[in-house]
Amino acid sequence: MADEVKAIMLPSGRAATIRKGKGRDLMRAHRAVAGNQEPMAVSFALVAELAQVEGRPIVYEDVLAMDLEDVLVLEAEVMGAAEGEPNFTVRPEDRTEESNYLERPRSSD
């Protein structure tokens, strides 16, 4: 299955895409800012992992240099807080797979 991608327009007028994240993206974001004590560092690194601007990948330093309005929009999209809507919604057909993970395994004891 191909990665899900959401296209958005940034306040600066630039086009961006955000792809649905995976656990490995969060791991990469943590590695990208290893040792950085800034609380927002991982969030910004995760934006860099998942976003492209004007069709090009971006890096953590690009996010730091962006206009604040663009950063806030990208962060809201990545974190799923944009306009009160989740970043990527779970479709009904995805719920059956998800429900398999909600049940805790029973002990043989």
Protein backbone atom coordinates (compact mmCIF):
# COMPACT_ATOMS: atom_id res chain seq x y z
CA MET A 1 0.00 0.00 0.00
CA ALA A 2 1.42 3.41 -0.94
CA ASP A 3 1.91 6.06 1.71
CA GLU A 4 -1.07 8.34 2.24
CA VAL A 5 -0.27 11.96 1.37
CA LYS A 6 -2.19 15.13 2.15
CA ALA A 7 -1.63 18.30 0.10
CA ILE A 8 -1.93 21.69 1.79
CA MET A 9 -1.25 25.32 0.95
CA LEU A 10 0.97 27.14 3.42
CA PRO A 11 0.28 30.74 4.50
CA SER A 12 3.37 31.79 2.52
CA GLY A 13 1.65 30.52 -0.64
CA ARG A 14 3.96 27.55 -1.04
CA ALA A 15 2.49 24.09 -1.66
CA ALA A 16 3.32 21.34 0.80
CA THR A 17 2.53 17.68 1.23
CA ILE A 18 2.43 15.71 4.45
CA ARG A 19 2.61 11.94 4.41
CA LYS A 20 1.16 9.71 7.07
CA GLY A 21 3.84 8.91 9.61
CA LYS A 22 5.16 5.62 10.90
CA GLY A 23 7.04 4.71 14.04
CA ARG A 24 10.30 4.73 12.10
CA ASP A 25 9.71 8.41 11.27
CA LEU A 26 9.53 9.24 14.95
CA MET A 27 12.73 7.28 15.56
CA ARG A 28 14.49 9.20 12.76
CA ALA A 29 13.25 12.48 14.22
CA HIS A 30 14.67 11.58 17.63
CA ARG A 31 18.00 10.64 16.04
CA ALA A 32 18.10 13.88 14.04
CA VAL A 33 18.01 15.94 17.23
CA ALA A 34 19.94 13.61 19.54
CA GLY A 35 21.27 15.55 22.50
CA ASN A 36 19.17 18.63 21.75
CA GLN A 37 17.35 19.58 24.95
CA GLU A 38 14.88 21.92 23.21
CA PRO A 39 11.35 20.54 23.80
CA MET A 40 10.18 21.41 20.27
CA ALA A 41 13.16 19.81 18.52
CA VAL A 42 11.56 16.39 17.99
CA SER A 43 8.34 17.98 16.76
CA PHE A 44 10.23 20.08 14.20
CA ALA A 45 12.33 17.08 13.15
CA LEU A 46 9.15 15.03 12.67
CA VAL A 47 7.74 17.79 10.46
CA ALA A 48 10.93 17.56 8.39
CA GLU A 49 10.57 13.77 8.13
CA LEU A 50 6.97 13.88 6.92
CA ALA A 51 6.70 17.08 4.89
CA GLN A 52 7.80 18.20 1.48
CA VAL A 53 7.58 21.82 0.37
CA GLU A 54 7.29 22.71 -3.30
CA GLY A 55 7.88 19.03 -4.10
CA ARG A 56 11.21 18.87 -2.26
CA PRO A 57 12.11 17.09 0.97
CA ILE A 58 13.05 19.36 3.85
CA VAL A 59 15.40 18.93 6.81
CA TYR A 60 15.24 20.08 10.42
CA GLU A 61 17.24 23.24 9.67
CA ASP A 62 14.75 24.15 6.93
CA VAL A 63 11.92 24.03 9.47
CA LEU A 64 13.92 26.29 11.82
CA ALA A 65 14.35 28.84 9.02
CA MET A 66 10.69 28.86 7.87
CA ASP A 67 8.21 31.60 8.59
CA LEU A 68 6.43 30.88 11.85
CA GLU A 69 3.00 30.69 10.19
CA ASP A 70 4.21 27.94 7.85
CA VAL A 71 5.84 26.02 10.70
CA LEU A 72 2.67 26.16 12.79
CA VAL A 73 0.51 24.90 9.92
CA LEU A 74 2.91 22.05 9.16
CA GLU A 75 3.17 21.11 12.80
CA ALA A 76 -0.61 21.10 13.21
CA GLU A 77 -0.97 18.85 10.17
CA VAL A 78 1.71 16.43 11.35
CA MET A 79 0.34 16.29 14.89
CA GLY A 80 -3.25 15.94 13.66
CA ALA A 81 -4.54 19.15 15.22
CA ALA A 82 -5.33 21.15 12.08
CA GLU A 83 -8.82 22.64 12.16
CA GLY A 84 -9.93 20.10 14.75
CA GLU A 85 -9.65 17.28 12.22
CA PRO A 86 -7.31 14.31 12.53
CA ASN A 87 -4.37 14.27 10.13
CA PHE A 88 -5.36 10.98 8.55
CA THR A 89 -8.68 9.43 9.43
CA VAL A 90 -9.15 5.71 9.93
CA ARG A 91 -11.37 4.31 7.23
CA PRO A 92 -13.90 1.62 8.22
CA GLU A 93 -11.95 -1.06 6.36
CA ASP A 94 -8.85 -0.17 8.43
CA ARG A 95 -10.68 -0.65 11.73
CA THR A 96 -10.68 -4.45 11.56
CA GLU A 97 -6.89 -4.55 11.45
CA GLU A 98 -6.72 -1.93 14.21
CA SER A 99 -9.06 -3.93 16.46
CA ASN A 100 -6.63 -6.85 16.39
CA TYR A 101 -4.18 -4.69 18.31
CA LEU A 102 -6.66 -3.43 20.88
CA GLU A 103 -7.13 -6.79 22.56
CA ARG A 104 -4.49 -7.74 25.07
CA PRO A 105 -3.10 -11.24 24.78
CA ARG A 106 -4.34 -13.54 27.50
CA SER A 107 -1.87 -15.22 29.79
CA SER A 108 -1.77 -19.00 29.84
CA ASP A 109 -1.75 -18.86 33.66
